[in-house]
Protein backbone atom coordinates (compact mmCIF):
# COMPACT_ATOMS: atom_id res chain seq x y z
CA MET A 1 100.74 142.21 73.66
CA ASN A 2 101.95 143.70 76.90
CA ALA A 3 101.74 141.77 80.12
CA PRO A 4 98.55 142.64 82.02
CA TRP A 5 100.19 144.76 84.74
CA ASP A 6 102.76 146.45 82.52
CA ALA A 7 100.29 148.48 80.49
CA PRO A 8 99.37 151.93 81.79
CA SER A 9 95.95 152.11 83.38
CA ARG A 10 93.06 153.27 81.25
CA GLY A 11 92.20 156.24 83.41
CA PRO A 12 93.51 158.24 86.31
CA GLN A 13 94.56 156.11 89.23
CA ARG A 14 91.62 155.80 91.56
CA ALA A 15 91.95 156.02 95.31
CA GLY A 16 91.52 153.04 97.59
CA GLU A 17 93.15 149.65 97.54
CA GLU A 18 89.84 147.95 96.78
CA LEU A 19 89.43 150.01 93.63
CA LEU A 20 93.01 149.43 92.55
CA VAL A 21 92.80 145.65 92.91
CA LEU A 22 89.48 145.65 91.06
CA GLN A 23 90.89 147.79 88.26
CA LYS A 24 94.02 145.63 87.93
CA TRP A 25 92.01 142.41 87.99
CA GLU A 26 89.66 143.74 85.33
CA GLU A 27 92.67 144.48 83.10
CA PHE A 28 94.07 140.99 83.75
CA THR A 29 90.73 139.38 82.96
CA SER A 30 90.57 141.19 79.61
CA TRP A 31 94.11 140.05 78.85
CA LEU A 32 93.27 136.48 79.86
CA LEU A 33 90.17 136.35 77.66
CA LEU A 34 92.22 137.47 74.65
CA HIS A 35 94.92 134.88 75.26
CA THR A 36 92.75 131.86 76.04
CA ALA A 37 90.70 132.48 72.89
CA LYS A 38 93.82 131.46 70.94
CA TRP A 39 94.18 128.11 72.71
CA PRO A 40 93.31 124.93 70.75
CA LYS A 41 89.66 123.99 70.71
CA SER A 42 90.35 120.81 72.66
CA CYS A 43 91.45 122.91 75.66
CA ARG A 44 89.29 125.97 75.17
CA PHE A 45 86.24 124.23 76.62
CA THR A 46 88.07 122.77 79.60
CA LEU A 47 91.09 124.61 80.99
CA ALA A 48 90.43 127.92 79.26
CA GLN A 49 86.81 127.96 80.31
CA ARG A 50 87.66 127.14 83.92
CA LEU A 51 90.31 129.87 84.06
CA GLU A 52 87.98 132.40 82.45
CA ASN A 53 85.15 131.51 84.84
CA HIS A 54 87.41 131.89 87.86
CA ALA A 55 88.67 135.26 86.60
CA LEU A 56 85.13 136.52 85.99
CA ASP A 57 83.94 135.18 89.35
CA ILE A 58 86.77 137.11 91.00
CA VAL A 59 85.63 140.32 89.29
CA GLU A 60 82.12 139.77 90.64
CA ALA A 61 83.40 138.92 94.11
CA LEU A 62 85.60 142.02 94.26
CA VAL A 63 82.62 144.19 93.34
CA SER A 64 80.59 142.46 96.07
CA ALA A 65 83.39 142.94 98.61
CA ARG A 66 83.56 146.61 97.78
CA TYR A 67 79.87 147.12 98.58
CA ASP A 68 79.30 144.55 101.36
CA PRO A 69 81.22 145.61 104.47
CA ARG A 70 79.83 142.81 106.63
CA GLY A 71 80.77 139.99 104.27
CA ARG A 72 83.97 141.57 102.97
CA LEU A 73 86.53 139.44 104.85
CA GLN A 74 84.81 136.19 103.90
CA ILE A 75 84.54 137.25 100.26
CA LEU A 76 88.24 138.14 100.19
CA ARG A 77 89.13 134.72 101.63
CA GLU A 78 87.07 133.08 98.88
CA VAL A 79 88.80 135.22 96.24
CA ASN A 80 92.16 134.11 97.60
CA LEU A 81 91.08 130.48 97.21
CA ARG A 82 90.05 131.14 93.59
CA LEU A 83 93.44 132.70 92.91
CA GLU A 84 95.10 129.55 94.23
CA ARG A 85 92.91 127.41 91.97
CA MET A 86 93.92 129.57 89.02
CA ARG A 87 97.59 129.03 89.85
CA PHE A 88 97.12 125.28 89.67
CA LEU A 89 95.08 125.44 86.48
CA PHE A 90 97.74 127.60 84.81
CA ARG A 91 100.40 125.07 85.81
CA ILE A 92 98.36 122.29 84.23
CA ALA A 93 97.94 124.40 81.09
CA ARG A 94 101.68 125.09 81.02
CA ASP A 95 102.40 121.35 81.30
CA ARG A 96 100.24 120.87 78.20
CA GLY A 97 102.17 123.60 76.38
CA LEU A 98 99.21 125.96 76.05
CA PRO A 99 100.42 129.37 77.16
CA SER A 100 103.80 130.51 75.95
CA ALA A 101 106.46 130.84 78.63
CA ARG A 102 106.05 134.61 78.43
CA SER A 103 102.25 134.45 78.81
CA PHE A 104 102.54 131.96 81.67
CA GLU A 105 104.97 134.23 83.49
CA ALA A 106 102.78 137.29 82.92
CA ALA A 107 99.70 135.47 84.21
CA MET A 108 101.46 134.15 87.30
CA ARG A 109 102.84 137.61 88.08
CA ALA A 110 99.37 139.12 87.75
CA ILE A 111 97.82 136.48 89.99
CA ASP A 112 100.58 136.90 92.57
CA GLU A 113 100.22 140.68 92.57
CA ALA A 114 96.46 140.37 93.00
CA GLY A 115 97.07 138.00 95.91
CA ARG A 116 99.43 140.48 97.56
CA MET A 117 96.97 143.33 97.08
CA LEU A 118 94.12 141.25 98.53
CA HIS A 119 96.30 140.31 101.49
CA GLY A 120 96.98 143.99 102.15
CA TRP A 121 93.28 144.80 101.91
CA ARG A 122 92.44 141.96 104.31
CA GLN A 123 95.11 143.09 106.79
CA THR A 124 93.75 146.64 106.74
CA LEU A 125 90.24 145.32 107.43
CA GLU A 126 91.44 143.04 110.23
CA VAL A 127 93.37 145.87 111.92
CA ALA A 128 90.31 148.11 111.70
CA ALA A 129 88.12 145.34 113.12
CA ASN A 130 90.55 144.77 116.00
CA ARG A 131 90.58 148.49 116.80
CA SER A 132 86.80 148.67 116.92
CA VAL A 133 86.63 145.61 119.21
CA ALA A 134 89.37 146.88 121.52
CA GLY A 135 87.73 150.26 121.96
CA PRO A 136 89.57 153.52 122.69
CA ALA A 137 93.29 153.29 123.35
CA ALA A 138 94.48 153.33 126.97
CA GLY A 139 95.17 156.80 128.24
CA SER A 140 92.96 158.51 125.70
CA PRO A 141 90.27 160.79 127.08
CA SER A 142 86.72 159.44 127.19
CA PRO A 143 84.00 161.40 125.40
């Protein structure tokens, strides 16, 4: 199976970085659910379940961030923390020999890309917030 980010998107590319990160994360979550289902039973109810829960929680948080402008920055910080937890859990799984080297690499690339996209989204929000606090630029005419 293709790595989660390598496959073409299911539909036309939607506008907005928040939609793109949500779409990409949804694709990764589907990929993750397929792969962790193949893990041995002894790990499916520990590591696999934790990874799956984090991935699904991130989907829910991204939807919330999209529709909650006031809580958006805090939600994105929490998502970033979940991504970091997933990195550690994947490393533990790799140490136990659960994902193949190829699957591990694909998962880490997907998590890293999601982290970069979230960082960009957060920066955009922080710049917009700073502009609104600073008011009109110096030298610009007043209304």
